[in-house]
Amino acid sequence: MRIVIGRCHLLELLNDRNLSQAEFARRIDAHPQTVAKWVKREDVMSLAKVLSACRILSCSIDELYEIIEEKTDE
């Protein structure tokens, strides 16, 4: 089985928690332009930032990112 990281749900989570991108950037110690790239799905977070984001947003990794399990021919 192969695990693929799918769509990021960061924007939806920020909206649900009434948290601005600027405030999230401050809390996660990232540049606001970096957060904007994550929201626009132009870049992906490092594992450390994913874990920090999950703590800040009180969510699990699979709530933050779509996790796709693909069967392989093995």
N, C-alpha and C. Protein backbone atom coordinates (compact mmCIF):
# COMPACT_ATOMS: atom_id res chain seq x y z
N MET A 1 0.84 -1.18 0.00
CA MET A 1 0.00 0.00 0.00
C MET A 1 0.88 1.24 0.00
N ARG A 2 0.43 2.24 -0.71
CA ARG A 2 1.17 3.49 -0.82
C ARG A 2 0.29 4.61 -0.26
N ILE A 3 0.88 5.50 0.51
CA ILE A 3 0.17 6.65 1.08
C ILE A 3 0.54 7.89 0.28
N VAL A 4 -0.49 8.61 -0.16
CA VAL A 4 -0.30 9.84 -0.93
C VAL A 4 -0.96 10.98 -0.15
N ILE A 5 -0.26 12.09 -0.05
CA ILE A 5 -0.81 13.28 0.59
C ILE A 5 -1.64 14.03 -0.44
N GLY A 6 -2.90 14.22 -0.11
CA GLY A 6 -3.82 14.90 -1.03
C GLY A 6 -4.02 16.36 -0.66
N ARG A 7 -5.22 16.82 -0.84
CA ARG A 7 -5.59 18.21 -0.67
C ARG A 7 -5.40 18.68 0.77
N CYS A 8 -4.90 19.90 0.91
CA CYS A 8 -4.74 20.54 2.21
C CYS A 8 -6.03 21.29 2.56
N HIS A 9 -6.49 21.13 3.78
CA HIS A 9 -7.73 21.77 4.24
C HIS A 9 -7.45 22.95 5.16
N LEU A 10 -6.28 23.55 5.04
CA LEU A 10 -5.88 24.63 5.94
C LEU A 10 -6.85 25.80 5.91
N LEU A 11 -7.24 26.25 4.73
CA LEU A 11 -8.13 27.42 4.64
C LEU A 11 -9.45 27.14 5.35
N GLU A 12 -10.01 25.97 5.14
CA GLU A 12 -11.28 25.61 5.78
C GLU A 12 -11.13 25.58 7.30
N LEU A 13 -10.03 25.02 7.78
CA LEU A 13 -9.79 24.96 9.22
C LEU A 13 -9.60 26.34 9.82
N LEU A 14 -8.87 27.20 9.13
CA LEU A 14 -8.70 28.58 9.61
C LEU A 14 -10.04 29.28 9.68
N ASN A 15 -10.85 29.14 8.64
CA ASN A 15 -12.17 29.77 8.63
C ASN A 15 -13.06 29.23 9.74
N ASP A 16 -13.05 27.92 9.94
CA ASP A 16 -13.87 27.29 10.99
C ASP A 16 -13.49 27.81 12.37
N ARG A 17 -12.23 28.16 12.55
CA ARG A 17 -11.74 28.60 13.85
C ARG A 17 -11.62 30.12 13.95
N ASN A 18 -12.13 30.81 12.93
CA ASN A 18 -12.06 32.28 12.89
C ASN A 18 -10.65 32.79 13.13
N LEU A 19 -9.70 32.15 12.47
CA LEU A 19 -8.29 32.50 12.62
C LEU A 19 -7.77 33.03 11.28
N SER A 20 -7.19 34.22 11.31
CA SER A 20 -6.66 34.79 10.07
C SER A 20 -5.36 34.10 9.68
N GLN A 21 -5.02 34.21 8.40
CA GLN A 21 -3.76 33.66 7.94
C GLN A 21 -2.59 34.36 8.63
N ALA A 22 -2.71 35.65 8.86
CA ALA A 22 -1.64 36.41 9.51
C ALA A 22 -1.43 35.94 10.95
N GLU A 23 -2.52 35.73 11.68
CA GLU A 23 -2.40 35.26 13.06
C GLU A 23 -1.86 33.83 13.10
N PHE A 24 -2.32 33.00 12.17
CA PHE A 24 -1.80 31.63 12.09
C PHE A 24 -0.31 31.65 11.80
N ALA A 25 0.12 32.52 10.89
CA ALA A 25 1.55 32.64 10.55
C ALA A 25 2.36 33.02 11.79
N ARG A 26 1.83 33.95 12.57
CA ARG A 26 2.53 34.36 13.79
C ARG A 26 2.64 33.19 14.76
N ARG A 27 1.55 32.45 14.94
CA ARG A 27 1.54 31.34 15.90
C ARG A 27 2.45 30.19 15.47
N ILE A 28 2.51 29.95 14.16
CA ILE A 28 3.30 28.81 13.68
C ILE A 28 4.73 29.21 13.35
N ASP A 29 5.04 30.51 13.50
CA ASP A 29 6.37 31.05 13.24
C ASP A 29 6.77 30.85 11.78
N ALA A 30 5.88 31.32 10.89
CA ALA A 30 6.14 31.26 9.45
C ALA A 30 5.79 32.62 8.85
N HIS A 31 6.38 32.91 7.73
CA HIS A 31 6.09 34.15 7.03
C HIS A 31 4.66 34.08 6.48
N PRO A 32 3.91 35.18 6.53
CA PRO A 32 2.55 35.16 5.99
C PRO A 32 2.47 34.71 4.52
N GLN A 33 3.49 35.02 3.73
CA GLN A 33 3.49 34.58 2.33
C GLN A 33 3.62 33.07 2.23
N THR A 34 4.31 32.46 3.17
CA THR A 34 4.43 31.01 3.20
C THR A 34 3.07 30.38 3.49
N VAL A 35 2.36 30.95 4.46
CA VAL A 35 1.03 30.45 4.79
C VAL A 35 0.10 30.61 3.59
N ALA A 36 0.21 31.73 2.90
CA ALA A 36 -0.61 31.95 1.70
C ALA A 36 -0.33 30.87 0.65
N LYS A 37 0.91 30.46 0.50
CA LYS A 37 1.25 29.39 -0.44
C LYS A 37 0.64 28.06 -0.01
N TRP A 38 0.63 27.79 1.30
CA TRP A 38 0.00 26.56 1.79
C TRP A 38 -1.50 26.59 1.49
N VAL A 39 -2.12 27.74 1.75
CA VAL A 39 -3.56 27.88 1.52
C VAL A 39 -3.91 27.71 0.04
N LYS A 40 -3.07 28.28 -0.83
CA LYS A 40 -3.31 28.18 -2.28
C LYS A 40 -2.82 26.86 -2.86
N ARG A 41 -2.27 26.01 -2.01
CA ARG A 41 -1.76 24.70 -2.40
C ARG A 41 -0.61 24.80 -3.41
N GLU A 42 0.19 25.85 -3.25
CA GLU A 42 1.37 26.03 -4.09
C GLU A 42 2.60 25.41 -3.45
N ASP A 43 2.49 25.07 -2.17
CA ASP A 43 3.60 24.49 -1.42
C ASP A 43 3.00 23.62 -0.32
N VAL A 44 3.78 22.69 0.19
CA VAL A 44 3.32 21.84 1.29
C VAL A 44 4.16 22.13 2.54
N MET A 45 3.57 21.92 3.68
CA MET A 45 4.25 22.15 4.96
C MET A 45 5.25 21.03 5.23
N SER A 46 6.30 21.37 5.94
CA SER A 46 7.21 20.35 6.45
C SER A 46 6.47 19.55 7.52
N LEU A 47 6.99 18.39 7.87
CA LEU A 47 6.36 17.58 8.91
C LEU A 47 6.29 18.36 10.23
N ALA A 48 7.33 19.09 10.57
CA ALA A 48 7.33 19.87 11.81
C ALA A 48 6.21 20.91 11.80
N LYS A 49 6.01 21.57 10.66
CA LYS A 49 4.94 22.58 10.56
C LYS A 49 3.57 21.91 10.58
N VAL A 50 3.44 20.73 9.98
CA VAL A 50 2.17 20.00 10.03
C VAL A 50 1.80 19.70 11.48
N LEU A 51 2.77 19.20 12.24
CA LEU A 51 2.51 18.87 13.64
C LEU A 51 2.17 20.12 14.44
N SER A 52 2.87 21.21 14.19
CA SER A 52 2.56 22.48 14.87
C SER A 52 1.18 22.98 14.48
N ALA A 53 0.85 22.89 13.20
CA ALA A 53 -0.47 23.33 12.72
C ALA A 53 -1.58 22.53 13.39
N CYS A 54 -1.38 21.23 13.51
CA CYS A 54 -2.39 20.38 14.15
C CYS A 54 -2.59 20.78 15.61
N ARG A 55 -1.53 21.13 16.29
CA ARG A 55 -1.66 21.58 17.69
C ARG A 55 -2.38 22.92 17.76
N ILE A 56 -1.99 23.84 16.90
CA ILE A 56 -2.61 25.18 16.89
C ILE A 56 -4.10 25.09 16.56
N LEU A 57 -4.43 24.25 15.58
CA LEU A 57 -5.81 24.16 15.09
C LEU A 57 -6.63 23.09 15.81
N SER A 58 -6.00 22.38 16.73
CA SER A 58 -6.67 21.29 17.45
C SER A 58 -7.33 20.31 16.48
N CYS A 59 -6.51 19.81 15.56
CA CYS A 59 -7.02 18.87 14.57
C CYS A 59 -6.01 17.73 14.39
N SER A 60 -6.43 16.71 13.69
CA SER A 60 -5.53 15.60 13.38
C SER A 60 -4.89 15.85 12.01
N ILE A 61 -3.86 15.10 11.71
CA ILE A 61 -3.19 15.24 10.42
C ILE A 61 -4.15 14.96 9.28
N ASP A 62 -5.01 13.94 9.43
CA ASP A 62 -5.92 13.63 8.33
C ASP A 62 -7.10 14.59 8.24
N GLU A 63 -7.25 15.49 9.21
CA GLU A 63 -8.19 16.59 9.06
C GLU A 63 -7.52 17.75 8.33
N LEU A 64 -6.22 17.88 8.49
CA LEU A 64 -5.46 18.94 7.83
C LEU A 64 -5.17 18.61 6.38
N TYR A 65 -4.79 17.37 6.13
CA TYR A 65 -4.50 16.91 4.76
C TYR A 65 -5.35 15.70 4.43
N GLU A 66 -5.80 15.63 3.20
CA GLU A 66 -6.46 14.43 2.71
C GLU A 66 -5.38 13.35 2.57
N ILE A 67 -5.63 12.19 3.13
CA ILE A 67 -4.69 11.08 3.05
C ILE A 67 -5.30 10.03 2.13
N ILE A 68 -4.58 9.68 1.08
CA ILE A 68 -5.07 8.72 0.10
C ILE A 68 -4.23 7.46 0.19
N GLU A 69 -4.90 6.35 0.38
CA GLU A 69 -4.22 5.05 0.42
C GLU A 69 -4.42 4.39 -0.93
N GLU A 70 -3.33 4.10 -1.60
CA GLU A 70 -3.38 3.46 -2.92
C GLU A 70 -2.82 2.04 -2.80
N LYS A 71 -3.54 1.12 -3.38
CA LYS A 71 -3.04 -0.25 -3.42
C LYS A 71 -1.95 -0.36 -4.47
N THR A 72 -0.94 -1.13 -4.15
CA THR A 72 0.15 -1.37 -5.10
C THR A 72 0.11 -2.83 -5.53
N ASP A 73 0.71 -3.11 -6.65
CA ASP A 73 0.74 -4.48 -7.17
C ASP A 73 1.97 -5.21 -6.65
N GLU A 74 1.96 -5.52 -5.38
CA GLU A 74 3.12 -6.22 -4.80
C GLU A 74 2.72 -7.58 -4.31
